Full PDB file with SEQRES, HELIX, SHEET, SSBOND, CRYST1, ORIGX, SCALE, CONECT and MASTER records, all heavy atoms in Angstrom:
SEQRES   1 A   45  ILE ARG SER ASN CYS LEU PRO ALA ASP LYS VAL THR ALA          
SEQRES   2 A   45  VAL ALA THR LEU THR GLU ARG PRO VAL VAL MET VAL GLY          
SEQRES   3 A   45  ASP GLY VAL ASN ASP ALA PRO VAL LEU ALA ALA ALA ASP          
SEQRES   4 A   45  ILE GLY ILE ALA MET GLY                                      
HELIX    1 AA1 PRO A    7  THR A   16  1                                  10    
HELIX    2 AA2 VAL A   29  ASP A   31  5                                   3    
HELIX    3 AA3 ALA A   32  ALA A   37  1                                   6    
SHEET    1 AA1 2 VAL A  23  GLY A  26  0                                        
SHEET    2 AA1 2 ILE A  40  ALA A  43  1                                        
CRYST1    1.000    1.000    1.000  90.00  90.00  90.00 P 1           1          
ORIGX1      1.000000  0.000000  0.000000        0.00000                         
ORIGX2      0.000000  1.000000  0.000000        0.00000                         
ORIGX3      0.000000  0.000000  1.000000        0.00000                         
SCALE1      1.000000  0.000000  0.000000        0.00000                         
SCALE2      0.000000  1.000000  0.000000        0.00000                         
SCALE3      0.000000  0.000000  1.000000        0.00000                         
ATOM      1  N   ILE A   1     119.435  95.610 112.007  1.00  0.00           N  
ATOM      2  CA  ILE A   1     118.254  96.082 112.744  1.00  0.00           C  
ATOM      3  C   ILE A   1     117.462  97.035 111.852  1.00  0.00           C  
ATOM      4  O   ILE A   1     117.994  98.046 111.392  1.00  0.00           O  
ATOM      5  CB  ILE A   1     118.669  96.798 114.040  1.00  0.00           C  
ATOM      6  CG1 ILE A   1     119.483  95.860 114.929  1.00  0.00           C  
ATOM      7  CG2 ILE A   1     117.442  97.311 114.777  1.00  0.00           C  
ATOM      8  CD1 ILE A   1     120.143  96.549 116.100  1.00  0.00           C  
ATOM      9  N   ARG A   2     116.191  96.707 111.601  1.00  0.00           N  
ATOM     10  CA  ARG A   2     115.347  97.550 110.744  1.00  0.00           C  
ATOM     11  C   ARG A   2     114.108  97.956 111.539  1.00  0.00           C  
ATOM     12  O   ARG A   2     113.324  97.099 111.956  1.00  0.00           O  
ATOM     13  CB  ARG A   2     114.971  96.815 109.464  1.00  0.00           C  
ATOM     14  CG  ARG A   2     116.205  96.285 108.729  1.00  0.00           C  
ATOM     15  CD  ARG A   2     115.919  95.898 107.324  1.00  0.00           C  
ATOM     16  NE  ARG A   2     117.081  95.293 106.693  1.00  0.00           N  
ATOM     17  CZ  ARG A   2     117.183  94.997 105.405  1.00  0.00           C  
ATOM     18  NH1 ARG A   2     116.156  95.263 104.596  1.00  0.00           N  
ATOM     19  NH2 ARG A   2     118.275  94.452 104.920  1.00  0.00           N  
ATOM     20  N   SER A   3     113.942  99.258 111.716  1.00  0.00           N  
ATOM     21  CA  SER A   3     112.874  99.790 112.562  1.00  0.00           C  
ATOM     22  C   SER A   3     111.800 100.479 111.727  1.00  0.00           C  
ATOM     23  O   SER A   3     111.932 100.636 110.506  1.00  0.00           O  
ATOM     24  CB  SER A   3     113.470 100.782 113.565  1.00  0.00           C  
ATOM     25  OG  SER A   3     114.163 101.809 112.892  1.00  0.00           O  
ATOM     26  N   ASN A   4     110.724 100.905 112.405  1.00  0.00           N  
ATOM     27  CA  ASN A   4     109.608 101.637 111.781  1.00  0.00           C  
ATOM     28  C   ASN A   4     109.034 100.897 110.575  1.00  0.00           C  
ATOM     29  O   ASN A   4     108.698 101.497 109.556  1.00  0.00           O  
ATOM     30  CB  ASN A   4     110.066 103.041 111.361  1.00  0.00           C  
ATOM     31  CG  ASN A   4     110.528 103.865 112.550  1.00  0.00           C  
ATOM     32  OD1 ASN A   4     109.811 104.016 113.530  1.00  0.00           O  
ATOM     33  ND2 ASN A   4     111.754 104.383 112.481  1.00  0.00           N  
ATOM     34  N   CYS A   5     108.933  99.567 110.678  1.00  0.00           N  
ATOM     35  CA  CYS A   5     108.477  98.752 109.550  1.00  0.00           C  
ATOM     36  C   CYS A   5     106.971  98.490 109.637  1.00  0.00           C  
ATOM     37  O   CYS A   5     106.486  97.964 110.645  1.00  0.00           O  
ATOM     38  CB  CYS A   5     109.202  97.415 109.532  1.00  0.00           C  
ATOM     39  SG  CYS A   5     110.963  97.506 109.160  1.00  0.00           S  
ATOM     40  N   LEU A   6     106.241  98.829 108.599  1.00  0.00           N  
ATOM     41  CA  LEU A   6     104.866  98.404 108.431  1.00  0.00           C  
ATOM     42  C   LEU A   6     104.887  96.994 107.829  1.00  0.00           C  
ATOM     43  O   LEU A   6     105.939  96.524 107.373  1.00  0.00           O  
ATOM     44  CB  LEU A   6     104.119  99.368 107.517  1.00  0.00           C  
ATOM     45  CG  LEU A   6     103.927 100.792 108.072  1.00  0.00           C  
ATOM     46  CD1 LEU A   6     103.312 101.685 107.003  1.00  0.00           C  
ATOM     47  CD2 LEU A   6     103.071 100.768 109.333  1.00  0.00           C  
ATOM     48  N   PRO A   7     103.747  96.281 107.796  1.00  0.00           N  
ATOM     49  CA  PRO A   7     103.746  94.933 107.214  1.00  0.00           C  
ATOM     50  C   PRO A   7     104.339  94.865 105.813  1.00  0.00           C  
ATOM     51  O   PRO A   7     105.106  93.951 105.501  1.00  0.00           O  
ATOM     52  CB  PRO A   7     102.247  94.575 107.212  1.00  0.00           C  
ATOM     53  CG  PRO A   7     101.705  95.300 108.401  1.00  0.00           C  
ATOM     54  CD  PRO A   7     102.454  96.608 108.432  1.00  0.00           C  
ATOM     55  N   ALA A   8     104.009  95.835 104.959  1.00  0.00           N  
ATOM     56  CA  ALA A   8     104.565  95.827 103.597  1.00  0.00           C  
ATOM     57  C   ALA A   8     106.070  96.041 103.602  1.00  0.00           C  
ATOM     58  O   ALA A   8     106.793  95.476 102.771  1.00  0.00           O  
ATOM     59  CB  ALA A   8     103.883  96.907 102.755  1.00  0.00           C  
ATOM     60  N   ASP A   9     106.566  96.854 104.548  1.00  0.00           N  
ATOM     61  CA  ASP A   9     108.011  97.086 104.643  1.00  0.00           C  
ATOM     62  C   ASP A   9     108.741  95.812 105.034  1.00  0.00           C  
ATOM     63  O   ASP A   9     109.855  95.541 104.559  1.00  0.00           O  
ATOM     64  CB  ASP A   9     108.307  98.180 105.675  1.00  0.00           C  
ATOM     65  CG  ASP A   9     107.680  99.520 105.308  1.00  0.00           C  
ATOM     66  OD1 ASP A   9     107.618  99.812 104.104  1.00  0.00           O  
ATOM     67  OD2 ASP A   9     107.247 100.244 106.217  1.00  0.00           O  
ATOM     68  N   LYS A  10     108.122  95.012 105.907  1.00  0.00           N  
ATOM     69  CA  LYS A  10     108.750  93.755 106.300  1.00  0.00           C  
ATOM     70  C   LYS A  10     108.839  92.797 105.121  1.00  0.00           C  
ATOM     71  O   LYS A  10     109.853  92.108 104.944  1.00  0.00           O  
ATOM     72  CB  LYS A  10     107.959  93.111 107.449  1.00  0.00           C  
ATOM     73  CG  LYS A  10     108.028  93.882 108.760  1.00  0.00           C  
ATOM     74  CD  LYS A  10     107.262  93.163 109.865  1.00  0.00           C  
ATOM     75  CE  LYS A  10     107.338  93.926 111.181  1.00  0.00           C  
ATOM     76  NZ  LYS A  10     106.610  93.232 112.277  1.00  0.00           N  
ATOM     77  N   VAL A  11     107.782  92.749 104.317  1.00  0.00           N  
ATOM     78  CA  VAL A  11     107.804  91.893 103.131  1.00  0.00           C  
ATOM     79  C   VAL A  11     108.923  92.320 102.191  1.00  0.00           C  
ATOM     80  O   VAL A  11     109.685  91.494 101.671  1.00  0.00           O  
ATOM     81  CB  VAL A  11     106.442  91.940 102.405  1.00  0.00           C  
ATOM     82  CG1 VAL A  11     106.519  91.209 101.067  1.00  0.00           C  
ATOM     83  CG2 VAL A  11     105.354  91.327 103.273  1.00  0.00           C  
ATOM     84  N   THR A  12     109.047  93.642 101.972  1.00  0.00           N  
ATOM     85  CA  THR A  12     110.111  94.158 101.094  1.00  0.00           C  
ATOM     86  C   THR A  12     111.484  93.831 101.663  1.00  0.00           C  
ATOM     87  O   THR A  12     112.399  93.434 100.921  1.00  0.00           O  
ATOM     88  CB  THR A  12     109.951  95.682 100.945  1.00  0.00           C  
ATOM     89  OG1 THR A  12     108.674  95.969 100.383  1.00  0.00           O  
ATOM     90  CG2 THR A  12     111.033  96.244 100.032  1.00  0.00           C  
ATOM     91  N   ALA A  13     111.635  93.985 102.980  1.00  0.00           N  
ATOM     92  CA  ALA A  13     112.932  93.719 103.600  1.00  0.00           C  
ATOM     93  C   ALA A  13     113.344  92.262 103.409  1.00  0.00           C  
ATOM     94  O   ALA A  13     114.491  91.973 103.048  1.00  0.00           O  
ATOM     95  CB  ALA A  13     112.868  94.058 105.091  1.00  0.00           C  
ATOM     96  N   VAL A  14     112.419  91.345 103.630  1.00  0.00           N  
ATOM     97  CA  VAL A  14     112.742  89.921 103.467  1.00  0.00           C  
ATOM     98  C   VAL A  14     113.023  89.592 101.999  1.00  0.00           C  
ATOM     99  O   VAL A  14     113.939  88.826 101.681  1.00  0.00           O  
ATOM    100  CB  VAL A  14     111.592  89.056 104.022  1.00  0.00           C  
ATOM    101  CG1 VAL A  14     111.714  87.615 103.537  1.00  0.00           C  
ATOM    102  CG2 VAL A  14     111.596  89.093 105.541  1.00  0.00           C  
ATOM    103  N   ALA A  15     112.253  90.200 101.106  1.00  0.00           N  
ATOM    104  CA  ALA A  15     112.443  89.921  99.676  1.00  0.00           C  
ATOM    105  C   ALA A  15     113.800  90.390  99.169  1.00  0.00           C  
ATOM    106  O   ALA A  15     114.345  89.819  98.217  1.00  0.00           O  
ATOM    107  CB  ALA A  15     111.324  90.578  98.869  1.00  0.00           C  
ATOM    108  N   THR A  16     114.357  91.430  99.791  1.00  0.00           N  
ATOM    109  CA  THR A  16     115.621  91.991  99.299  1.00  0.00           C  
ATOM    110  C   THR A  16     116.850  91.418 100.003  1.00  0.00           C  
ATOM    111  O   THR A  16     117.967  91.787  99.658  1.00  0.00           O  
ATOM    112  CB  THR A  16     115.617  93.523  99.473  1.00  0.00           C  
ATOM    113  OG1 THR A  16     115.345  93.851 100.843  1.00  0.00           O  
ATOM    114  CG2 THR A  16     114.555  94.160  98.585  1.00  0.00           C  
ATOM    115  N   LEU A  17     116.662  90.533 100.977  1.00  0.00           N  
ATOM    116  CA  LEU A  17     117.812  89.901 101.619  1.00  0.00           C  
ATOM    117  C   LEU A  17     118.511  88.982 100.622  1.00  0.00           C  
ATOM    118  O   LEU A  17     117.862  88.181  99.933  1.00  0.00           O  
ATOM    119  CB  LEU A  17     117.373  89.104 102.853  1.00  0.00           C  
ATOM    120  CG  LEU A  17     116.881  89.937 104.045  1.00  0.00           C  
ATOM    121  CD1 LEU A  17     116.275  89.043 105.120  1.00  0.00           C  
ATOM    122  CD2 LEU A  17     118.028  90.758 104.623  1.00  0.00           C  
ATOM    123  N   THR A  18     119.798  89.091 100.533  1.00  0.00           N  
ATOM    124  CA  THR A  18     120.540  88.361  99.487  1.00  0.00           C  
ATOM    125  C   THR A  18     121.001  86.977  99.917  1.00  0.00           C  
ATOM    126  O   THR A  18     121.141  86.083  99.081  1.00  0.00           O  
ATOM    127  CB  THR A  18     121.765  89.180  99.045  1.00  0.00           C  
ATOM    128  OG1 THR A  18     122.579  89.478 100.190  1.00  0.00           O  
ATOM    129  CG2 THR A  18     121.331  90.486  98.391  1.00  0.00           C  
ATOM    130  N   GLU A  19     121.254  86.778 101.221  1.00  0.00           N  
ATOM    131  CA  GLU A  19     121.696  85.469 101.698  1.00  0.00           C  
ATOM    132  C   GLU A  19     120.466  84.596 101.931  1.00  0.00           C  
ATOM    133  O   GLU A  19     119.776  84.724 102.929  1.00  0.00           O  
ATOM    134  CB  GLU A  19     122.502  85.623 102.989  1.00  0.00           C  
ATOM    135  CG  GLU A  19     123.829  86.332 102.815  1.00  0.00           C  
ATOM    136  CD  GLU A  19     124.793  85.527 101.967  1.00  0.00           C  
ATOM    137  OE1 GLU A  19     124.832  84.295 102.123  1.00  0.00           O  
ATOM    138  OE2 GLU A  19     125.498  86.123 101.138  1.00  0.00           O  
ATOM    139  N   ARG A  20     120.168  83.703 100.996  1.00  0.00           N  
ATOM    140  CA  ARG A  20     118.948  82.917 101.038  1.00  0.00           C  
ATOM    141  C   ARG A  20     119.278  81.433 101.069  1.00  0.00           C  
ATOM    142  O   ARG A  20     120.384  81.054 100.715  1.00  0.00           O  
ATOM    143  CB  ARG A  20     118.067  83.244  99.818  1.00  0.00           C  
ATOM    144  CG  ARG A  20     117.817  84.738  99.622  1.00  0.00           C  
ATOM    145  CD  ARG A  20     116.704  84.986  98.627  1.00  0.00           C  
ATOM    146  NE  ARG A  20     115.412  84.749  99.244  1.00  0.00           N  
ATOM    147  CZ  ARG A  20     114.735  85.668  99.944  1.00  0.00           C  
ATOM    148  NH1 ARG A  20     115.230  86.884 100.098  1.00  0.00           N  
ATOM    149  NH2 ARG A  20     113.585  85.380 100.476  1.00  0.00           N  
ATOM    150  N   PRO A  21     118.328  80.615 101.543  1.00  0.00           N  
ATOM    151  CA  PRO A  21     116.961  80.894 101.949  1.00  0.00           C  
ATOM    152  C   PRO A  21     116.885  81.695 103.256  1.00  0.00           C  
ATOM    153  O   PRO A  21     117.781  81.646 104.082  1.00  0.00           O  
ATOM    154  CB  PRO A  21     116.345  79.498 102.143  1.00  0.00           C  
ATOM    155  CG  PRO A  21     117.207  78.580 101.360  1.00  0.00           C  
ATOM    156  CD  PRO A  21     118.582  79.152 101.473  1.00  0.00           C  
ATOM    157  N   VAL A  22     115.740  82.424 103.407  1.00  0.00           N  
ATOM    158  CA  VAL A  22     115.504  83.272 104.576  1.00  0.00           C  
ATOM    159  C   VAL A  22     114.390  82.650 105.419  1.00  0.00           C  
ATOM    160  O   VAL A  22     113.335  82.283 104.898  1.00  0.00           O  
ATOM    161  CB  VAL A  22     115.098  84.694 104.159  1.00  0.00           C  
ATOM    162  CG1 VAL A  22     114.724  85.519 105.388  1.00  0.00           C  
ATOM    163  CG2 VAL A  22     116.216  85.358 103.389  1.00  0.00           C  
ATOM    164  N   VAL A  23     114.644  82.537 106.727  1.00  0.00           N  
ATOM    165  CA  VAL A  23     113.637  82.070 107.680  1.00  0.00           C  
ATOM    166  C   VAL A  23     113.150  83.272 108.477  1.00  0.00           C  
ATOM    167  O   VAL A  23     113.954  84.018 109.032  1.00  0.00           O  
ATOM    168  CB  VAL A  23     114.221  81.016 108.632  1.00  0.00           C  
ATOM    169  CG1 VAL A  23     113.140  80.514 109.598  1.00  0.00           C  
ATOM    170  CG2 VAL A  23     114.822  79.846 107.853  1.00  0.00           C  
ATOM    171  N   MET A  24     111.830  83.485 108.504  1.00  0.00           N  
ATOM    172  CA  MET A  24     111.242  84.602 109.239  1.00  0.00           C  
ATOM    173  C   MET A  24     110.458  84.067 110.427  1.00  0.00           C  
ATOM    174  O   MET A  24     109.679  83.117 110.298  1.00  0.00           O  
ATOM    175  CB  MET A  24     110.307  85.411 108.324  1.00  0.00           C  
ATOM    176  CG  MET A  24     109.566  86.544 109.026  1.00  0.00           C  
ATOM    177  SD  MET A  24     110.658  87.889 109.543  1.00  0.00           S  
ATOM    178  CE  MET A  24     109.650  88.694 110.805  1.00  0.00           C  
ATOM    179  N   VAL A  25     110.662  84.682 111.612  1.00  0.00           N  
ATOM    180  CA  VAL A  25     109.968  84.271 112.828  1.00  0.00           C  
ATOM    181  C   VAL A  25     109.126  85.450 113.312  1.00  0.00           C  
ATOM    182  O   VAL A  25     109.646  86.557 113.474  1.00  0.00           O  
ATOM    183  CB  VAL A  25     110.957  83.862 113.932  1.00  0.00           C  
ATOM    184  CG1 VAL A  25     110.204  83.255 115.116  1.00  0.00           C  
ATOM    185  CG2 VAL A  25     111.996  82.884 113.400  1.00  0.00           C  
ATOM    186  N   GLY A  26     107.839  85.229 113.528  1.00  0.00           N  
ATOM    187  CA  GLY A  26     106.978  86.321 113.967  1.00  0.00           C  
ATOM    188  C   GLY A  26     105.695  85.818 114.591  1.00  0.00           C  
ATOM    189  O   GLY A  26     105.487  84.615 114.770  1.00  0.00           O  
ATOM    190  N   ASP A  27     104.822  86.772 114.938  1.00  0.00           N  
ATOM    191  CA  ASP A  27     103.522  86.434 115.502  1.00  0.00           C  
ATOM    192  C   ASP A  27     102.550  87.540 115.136  1.00  0.00           C  
ATOM    193  O   ASP A  27     102.943  88.614 114.723  1.00  0.00           O  
ATOM    194  CB  ASP A  27     103.596  86.277 117.025  1.00  0.00           C  
ATOM    195  CG  ASP A  27     103.760  87.615 117.738  1.00  0.00           C  
ATOM    196  OD1 ASP A  27     104.504  88.454 117.206  1.00  0.00           O  
ATOM    197  OD2 ASP A  27     103.164  87.806 118.805  1.00  0.00           O  
ATOM    198  N   GLY A  28     101.271  87.270 115.269  1.00  0.00           N  
ATOM    199  CA  GLY A  28     100.268  88.303 115.044  1.00  0.00           C  
ATOM    200  C   GLY A  28      99.916  88.500 113.583  1.00  0.00           C  
ATOM    201  O   GLY A  28     100.616  88.078 112.670  1.00  0.00           O  
ATOM    202  N   VAL A  29      98.797  89.162 113.366  1.00  0.00           N  
ATOM    203  CA  VAL A  29      98.313  89.416 112.010  1.00  0.00           C  
ATOM    204  C   VAL A  29      99.314  90.247 111.218  1.00  0.00           C  
ATOM    205  O   VAL A  29      99.517  90.036 110.022  1.00  0.00           O  
ATOM    206  CB  VAL A  29      96.945  90.140 112.064  1.00  0.00           C  
ATOM    207  CG1 VAL A  29      96.483  90.506 110.664  1.00  0.00           C  
ATOM    208  CG2 VAL A  29      95.914  89.255 112.735  1.00  0.00           C  
ATOM    209  N   ASN A  30      99.980  91.190 111.883  1.00  0.00           N  
ATOM    210  CA  ASN A  30     100.882  92.072 111.145  1.00  0.00           C  
ATOM    211  C   ASN A  30     102.074  91.322 110.573  1.00  0.00           C  
ATOM    212  O   ASN A  30     102.713  91.785 109.620  1.00  0.00           O  
ATOM    213  CB  ASN A  30     101.382  93.202 112.060  1.00  0.00           C  
ATOM    214  CG  ASN A  30     102.196  92.673 113.224  1.00  0.00           C  
ATOM    215  OD1 ASN A  30     101.779  91.760 113.934  1.00  0.00           O  
ATOM    216  ND2 ASN A  30     103.357  93.253 113.435  1.00  0.00           N  
ATOM    217  N   ASP A  31     102.394  90.143 111.095  1.00  0.00           N  
ATOM    218  CA  ASP A  31     103.512  89.361 110.575  1.00  0.00           C  
ATOM    219  C   ASP A  31     103.083  88.331 109.536  1.00  0.00           C  
ATOM    220  O   ASP A  31     103.937  87.688 108.916  1.00  0.00           O  
ATOM    221  CB  ASP A  31     104.231  88.633 111.719  1.00  0.00           C  
ATOM    222  CG  ASP A  31     104.973  89.593 112.633  1.00  0.00           C  
ATOM    223  OD1 ASP A  31     105.552  90.561 112.113  1.00  0.00           O  
ATOM    224  OD2 ASP A  31     104.955  89.389 113.854  1.00  0.00           O  
ATOM    225  N   ALA A  32     101.783  88.149 109.343  1.00  0.00           N  
ATOM    226  CA  ALA A  32     101.314  87.130 108.412  1.00  0.00           C  
ATOM    227  C   ALA A  32     101.859  87.320 106.993  1.00  0.00           C  
ATOM    228  O   ALA A  32     102.311  86.355 106.370  1.00  0.00           O  
ATOM    229  CB  ALA A  32      99.781  87.093 108.396  1.00  0.00           C  
ATOM    230  N   PRO A  33     101.877  88.553 106.439  1.00  0.00           N  
ATOM    231  CA  PRO A  33     102.399  88.696 105.073  1.00  0.00           C  
ATOM    232  C   PRO A  33     103.869  88.316 104.953  1.00  0.00           C  
ATOM    233  O   PRO A  33     104.262  87.636 104.000  1.00  0.00           O  
ATOM    234  CB  PRO A  33     102.187  90.191 104.772  1.00  0.00           C  
ATOM    235  CG  PRO A  33     101.099  90.614 105.695  1.00  0.00           C  
ATOM    236  CD  PRO A  33     101.294  89.814 106.931  1.00  0.00           C  
ATOM    237  N   VAL A  34     104.698  88.734 105.893  1.00  0.00           N  
ATOM    238  CA  VAL A  34     106.127  88.453 105.772  1.00  0.00           C  
ATOM    239  C   VAL A  34     106.412  86.978 106.034  1.00  0.00           C  
ATOM    240  O   VAL A  34     107.341  86.405 105.453  1.00  0.00           O  
ATOM    241  CB  VAL A  34     106.949  89.366 106.711  1.00  0.00           C  
ATOM    242  CG1 VAL A  34     106.740  89.028 108.168  1.00  0.00           C  
ATOM    243  CG2 VAL A  34     108.422  89.314 106.349  1.00  0.00           C  
ATOM    244  N   LEU A  35     105.618  86.322 106.886  1.00  0.00           N  
ATOM    245  CA  LEU A  35     105.793  84.885 107.085  1.00  0.00           C  
ATOM    246  C   LEU A  35     105.485  84.124 105.809  1.00  0.00           C  
ATOM    247  O   LEU A  35     106.143  83.131 105.479  1.00  0.00           O  
ATOM    248  CB  LEU A  35     104.890  84.393 108.218  1.00  0.00           C  
ATOM    249  CG  LEU A  35     105.227  84.885 109.630  1.00  0.00           C  
ATOM    250  CD1 LEU A  35     104.201  84.371 110.631  1.00  0.00           C  
ATOM    251  CD2 LEU A  35     106.617  84.451 110.042  1.00  0.00           C  
ATOM    252  N   ALA A  36     104.473  84.584 105.084  1.00  0.00           N  
ATOM    253  CA  ALA A  36     104.134  83.939 103.817  1.00  0.00           C  
ATOM    254  C   ALA A  36     105.182  84.219 102.743  1.00  0.00           C  
ATOM    255  O   ALA A  36     105.441  83.389 101.883  1.00  0.00           O  
ATOM    256  CB  ALA A  36     102.764  84.413 103.341  1.00  0.00           C  
ATOM    257  N   ALA A  37     105.806  85.393 102.811  1.00  0.00           N  
ATOM    258  CA  ALA A  37     106.774  85.785 101.779  1.00  0.00           C  
ATOM    259  C   ALA A  37     108.133  85.138 101.975  1.00  0.00           C  
ATOM    260  O   ALA A  37     108.883  84.951 101.013  1.00  0.00           O  
ATOM    261  CB  ALA A  37     106.926  87.307 101.769  1.00  0.00           C  
ATOM    262  N   ALA A  38     108.492  84.789 103.212  1.00  0.00           N  
ATOM    263  CA  ALA A  38     109.798  84.202 103.486  1.00  0.00           C  
ATOM    264  C   ALA A  38     109.880  82.793 102.907  1.00  0.00           C  
ATOM    265  O   ALA A  38     108.870  82.150 102.622  1.00  0.00           O  
ATOM    266  CB  ALA A  38     110.047  84.169 104.993  1.00  0.00           C  
ATOM    267  N   ASP A  39     111.110  82.299 102.742  1.00  0.00           N  
ATOM    268  CA  ASP A  39     111.294  80.933 102.271  1.00  0.00           C  
ATOM    269  C   ASP A  39     110.740  79.949 103.303  1.00  0.00           C  
ATOM    270  O   ASP A  39     110.197  78.907 102.949  1.00  0.00           O  
ATOM    271  CB  ASP A  39     112.776  80.663 102.016  1.00  0.00           C  
ATOM    272  CG  ASP A  39     113.335  81.591 100.936  1.00  0.00           C  
ATOM    273  OD1 ASP A  39     112.818  81.550  99.808  1.00  0.00           O  
ATOM    274  OD2 ASP A  39     114.260  82.362 101.235  1.00  0.00           O  
ATOM    275  N   ILE A  40     110.911  80.274 104.583  1.00  0.00           N  
ATOM    276  CA  ILE A  40     110.266  79.539 105.669  1.00  0.00           C  
ATOM    277  C   ILE A  40     109.702  80.560 106.645  1.00  0.00           C  
ATOM    278  O   ILE A  40     110.408  81.462 107.084  1.00  0.00           O  
ATOM    279  CB  ILE A  40     111.243  78.620 106.427  1.00  0.00           C  
ATOM    280  CG1 ILE A  40     111.812  77.546 105.509  1.00  0.00           C  
ATOM    281  CG2 ILE A  40     110.547  77.968 107.622  1.00  0.00           C  
ATOM    282  CD1 ILE A  40     112.838  76.653 106.197  1.00  0.00           C  
ATOM    283  N   GLY A  41     108.428  80.438 106.993  1.00  0.00           N  
ATOM    284  CA  GLY A  41     107.826  81.297 108.000  1.00  0.00           C  
ATOM    285  C   GLY A  41     107.561  80.496 109.260  1.00  0.00           C  
ATOM    286  O   GLY A  41     106.987  79.407 109.201  1.00  0.00           O  
ATOM    287  N   ILE A  42     108.015  81.001 110.402  1.00  0.00           N  
ATOM    288  CA  ILE A  42     107.790  80.347 111.697  1.00  0.00           C  
ATOM    289  C   ILE A  42     106.921  81.255 112.542  1.00  0.00           C  
ATOM    290  O   ILE A  42     107.279  82.408 112.794  1.00  0.00           O  
ATOM    291  CB  ILE A  42     109.113  80.065 112.436  1.00  0.00           C  
ATOM    292  CG1 ILE A  42     110.029  79.177 111.583  1.00  0.00           C  
ATOM    293  CG2 ILE A  42     108.840  79.398 113.778  1.00  0.00           C  
ATOM    294  CD1 ILE A  42     111.356  78.864 112.254  1.00  0.00           C  
ATOM    295  N   ALA A  43     105.777  80.738 112.990  1.00  0.00           N  
ATOM    296  CA  ALA A  43     104.843  81.539 113.779  1.00  0.00           C  
ATOM    297  C   ALA A  43     104.883  81.114 115.232  1.00  0.00           C  
ATOM    298  O   ALA A  43     104.865  79.926 115.546  1.00  0.00           O  
ATOM    299  CB  ALA A  43     103.416  81.382 113.240  1.00  0.00           C  
ATOM    300  N   MET A  44     104.941  82.117 116.123  1.00  0.00           N  
ATOM    301  CA  MET A  44     104.791  81.865 117.550  1.00  0.00           C  
ATOM    302  C   MET A  44     103.292  81.720 117.799  1.00  0.00           C  
ATOM    303  O   MET A  44     102.600  82.704 118.070  1.00  0.00           O  
ATOM    304  CB  MET A  44     105.375  83.018 118.358  1.00  0.00           C  
ATOM    305  CG  MET A  44     106.842  83.298 118.072  1.00  0.00           C  
ATOM    306  SD  MET A  44     107.940  82.100 118.841  1.00  0.00           S  
ATOM    307  CE  MET A  44     107.719  82.508 120.568  1.00  0.00           C  
ATOM    308  N   GLY A  45     102.773  80.517 117.687  1.00  0.00           N  
ATOM    309  CA  GLY A  45     101.334  80.310 117.671  1.00  0.00           C  
ATOM    310  C   GLY A  45     100.706  80.017 119.008  1.00  0.00           C  
ATOM    311  O   GLY A  45      99.513  79.739 119.072  1.00  0.00           O  
TER     312      GLY A  45                                                      
MASTER        0    0    0    3    2    0    0    6  311    1    0    4          
END                                                                             
């Protein structure tokens, strides 16, 4: 569980996860960077 994350913090968190590939699930503009950075980004569209 990672709290108090700004968009850049989410990107850093996903980039530093060691068990890969990483799938990120999110919604909204604030999740767009981390969805693009993940190996797979899933958007609640």
